[in-house]
Amino acid sequence: DRWHGWWRAARLAIPPAYPFGFGLSYTTFAITDATAAVTPGAAAIVVTGQVANTGSRDGADVVQVYATLPDPAAPQRLVGFARIEAAAGATIAFRIEVPLTRLATRDSGTRSWRPAAGPHVITVARHAADPAAVGTRVTL
């Protein structure tokens, strides 16, 4: 059953105390200019953008990349992340490479794993329920 743990709670609209991937900090961060593109040869999706430390203290944050597959019943899945350290007021560029194998689903006909063809929603966020998440589409 695919609906267990965090996915089950999300499907049943049970709000967690802290969303998946949530981290506490003594400062604040914002993600800007996030984009996603399929690499030539279609081996990976490259996600780039910037993280700004908008607080008054130095700190670290984890940029998380989630993918939603073309199947409307498929849950959002974490496919990449990067830890970013930034001084107060600084903006740091990030680049996260997501191998297409992380977007694979089981093809029972060929008994193999294949990246699902079609449009994928790629979301760049600080945690799974981030209201400031930045989403974009890529097509495989």
Protein backbone atom coordinates (compact mmCIF):
# COMPACT_ATOMS: atom_id res chain seq x y z
CA ASP A 1 0.00 0.00 0.00
CA ARG A 2 1.51 3.32 -1.06
CA TRP A 3 -0.54 5.30 1.46
CA HIS A 4 1.40 5.06 4.72
CA GLY A 5 3.36 7.41 6.94
CA TRP A 6 3.50 11.03 5.77
CA TRP A 7 1.69 10.24 2.48
CA ARG A 8 -1.26 8.72 4.39
CA ALA A 9 -1.52 11.70 6.74
CA ALA A 10 -1.46 14.10 3.76
CA ARG A 11 -4.09 12.06 1.88
CA LEU A 12 -6.40 12.05 4.93
CA ALA A 13 -5.76 15.79 5.54
CA ILE A 14 -4.31 15.13 9.00
CA PRO A 15 -2.13 18.15 9.81
CA PRO A 16 1.24 17.17 11.31
CA ALA A 17 2.85 19.13 14.14
CA TYR A 18 5.73 19.79 11.73
CA PRO A 19 5.59 19.06 7.97
CA PHE A 20 7.99 16.57 6.37
CA GLY A 21 11.41 18.20 6.03
CA PHE A 22 10.63 21.07 8.41
CA GLY A 23 13.61 22.48 10.28
CA LEU A 24 13.78 25.03 13.07
CA SER A 25 16.20 27.94 12.76
CA TYR A 26 17.21 31.16 14.49
CA THR A 27 16.95 33.04 11.19
CA THR A 28 14.69 33.16 8.13
CA PHE A 29 15.26 32.18 4.50
CA ALA A 30 13.59 32.73 1.13
CA ILE A 31 13.99 30.76 -2.11
CA THR A 32 13.98 32.80 -5.33
CA ASP A 33 14.60 32.34 -9.06
CA ALA A 34 14.03 28.57 -8.94
CA THR A 35 14.02 26.85 -12.34
CA ALA A 36 14.14 23.25 -13.52
CA ALA A 37 15.32 21.89 -16.86
CA VAL A 38 15.97 18.44 -18.32
CA THR A 39 19.66 17.96 -19.14
CA PRO A 40 20.74 17.19 -22.71
CA GLY A 41 20.57 13.43 -23.14
CA ALA A 42 17.78 13.39 -20.52
CA ALA A 43 19.84 11.87 -17.72
CA ALA A 44 18.73 14.31 -15.02
CA ILE A 45 16.70 17.35 -14.13
CA VAL A 46 18.82 20.29 -13.00
CA VAL A 47 17.20 22.61 -10.48
CA THR A 48 18.81 25.99 -9.86
CA GLY A 49 17.92 29.07 -7.87
CA GLN A 50 18.96 31.24 -4.97
CA VAL A 51 18.48 31.14 -1.21
CA ALA A 52 18.47 34.44 0.67
CA ASN A 53 19.11 34.62 4.40
CA THR A 54 16.56 37.31 5.22
CA GLY A 55 17.24 37.23 8.95
CA SER A 56 19.74 38.95 11.22
CA ARG A 57 21.80 35.84 12.08
CA ASP A 58 24.03 33.50 10.11
CA GLY A 59 22.38 30.15 9.50
CA ALA A 60 21.84 27.07 7.39
CA ASP A 61 18.80 25.83 5.51
CA VAL A 62 17.95 22.76 3.42
CA VAL A 63 16.54 23.39 -0.05
CA GLN A 64 14.27 20.48 -0.96
CA VAL A 65 13.10 19.38 -4.41
CA TYR A 66 9.82 17.48 -4.69
CA ALA A 67 8.32 15.87 -7.80
CA THR A 68 4.73 15.03 -8.61
CA LEU A 69 4.42 12.46 -11.39
CA PRO A 70 1.89 12.63 -14.26
CA ASP A 71 -0.33 10.04 -12.52
CA PRO A 72 -2.86 12.14 -10.55
CA ALA A 73 -2.98 9.48 -7.83
CA ALA A 74 0.79 9.58 -7.28
CA PRO A 75 1.90 11.35 -4.10
CA GLN A 76 4.52 14.08 -4.07
CA ARG A 77 7.99 12.63 -3.46
CA LEU A 78 11.27 14.09 -2.25
CA VAL A 79 13.80 13.70 -5.09
CA GLY A 80 16.70 15.97 -4.09
CA PHE A 81 18.02 18.39 -1.51
CA ALA A 82 21.02 20.57 -0.65
CA ARG A 83 22.16 22.15 2.62
CA ILE A 84 22.96 25.85 2.21
CA GLU A 85 24.90 27.96 4.72
CA ALA A 86 24.49 31.72 4.44
CA ALA A 87 25.58 34.74 6.44
CA ALA A 88 22.91 37.19 7.56
CA GLY A 89 21.68 39.14 4.52
CA ALA A 90 23.57 36.95 2.03
CA THR A 91 22.12 35.28 -1.06
CA ILE A 92 23.61 31.95 -2.18
CA ALA A 93 23.06 30.20 -5.53
CA PHE A 94 22.21 26.50 -5.50
CA ARG A 95 22.23 23.71 -8.09
CA ILE A 96 20.60 20.34 -7.42
CA GLU A 97 20.84 17.54 -9.96
CA VAL A 98 17.96 15.05 -9.82
CA PRO A 99 18.67 11.76 -11.64
CA LEU A 100 15.67 10.61 -13.68
CA THR A 101 15.78 7.30 -11.82
CA ARG A 102 14.19 9.16 -8.88
CA LEU A 103 11.13 9.80 -11.07
CA ALA A 104 10.79 6.15 -12.06
CA THR A 105 7.72 3.99 -11.65
CA ARG A 106 7.42 0.25 -12.03
CA ASP A 107 6.39 -0.93 -15.52
CA SER A 108 4.81 -4.33 -14.90
CA GLY A 109 4.75 -5.13 -18.63
CA THR A 110 8.53 -4.93 -19.02
CA ARG A 111 9.28 -5.68 -15.35
CA SER A 112 11.51 -2.64 -15.12
CA TRP A 113 11.64 0.82 -13.60
CA ARG A 114 11.15 3.71 -16.02
CA PRO A 115 10.80 7.46 -15.62
CA ALA A 116 7.12 8.25 -16.17
CA ALA A 117 6.56 10.04 -19.48
CA GLY A 118 4.63 13.29 -19.46
CA PRO A 119 4.55 16.50 -17.42
CA HIS A 120 6.08 16.45 -13.95
CA VAL A 121 5.58 19.21 -11.40
CA ILE A 122 8.91 20.07 -9.78
CA THR A 123 8.56 22.00 -6.53
CA VAL A 124 11.42 23.74 -4.73
CA ALA A 125 10.65 24.33 -1.06
CA ARG A 126 11.98 24.53 2.48
CA HIS A 127 9.64 21.70 3.59
CA ALA A 128 6.83 19.58 2.14
CA ALA A 129 4.03 21.99 3.11
CA ASP A 130 5.91 25.24 2.40
CA PRO A 131 3.37 27.93 1.41
CA ALA A 132 6.17 29.85 -0.35
CA ALA A 133 7.19 26.84 -2.50
CA VAL A 134 8.12 27.55 -6.11
CA GLY A 135 6.74 25.12 -8.69
CA THR A 136 7.57 24.54 -12.33
CA ARG A 137 6.80 21.87 -14.95
CA VAL A 138 9.16 19.70 -16.96
CA THR A 139 8.10 17.16 -19.56
CA LEU A 140 9.87 13.85 -20.09
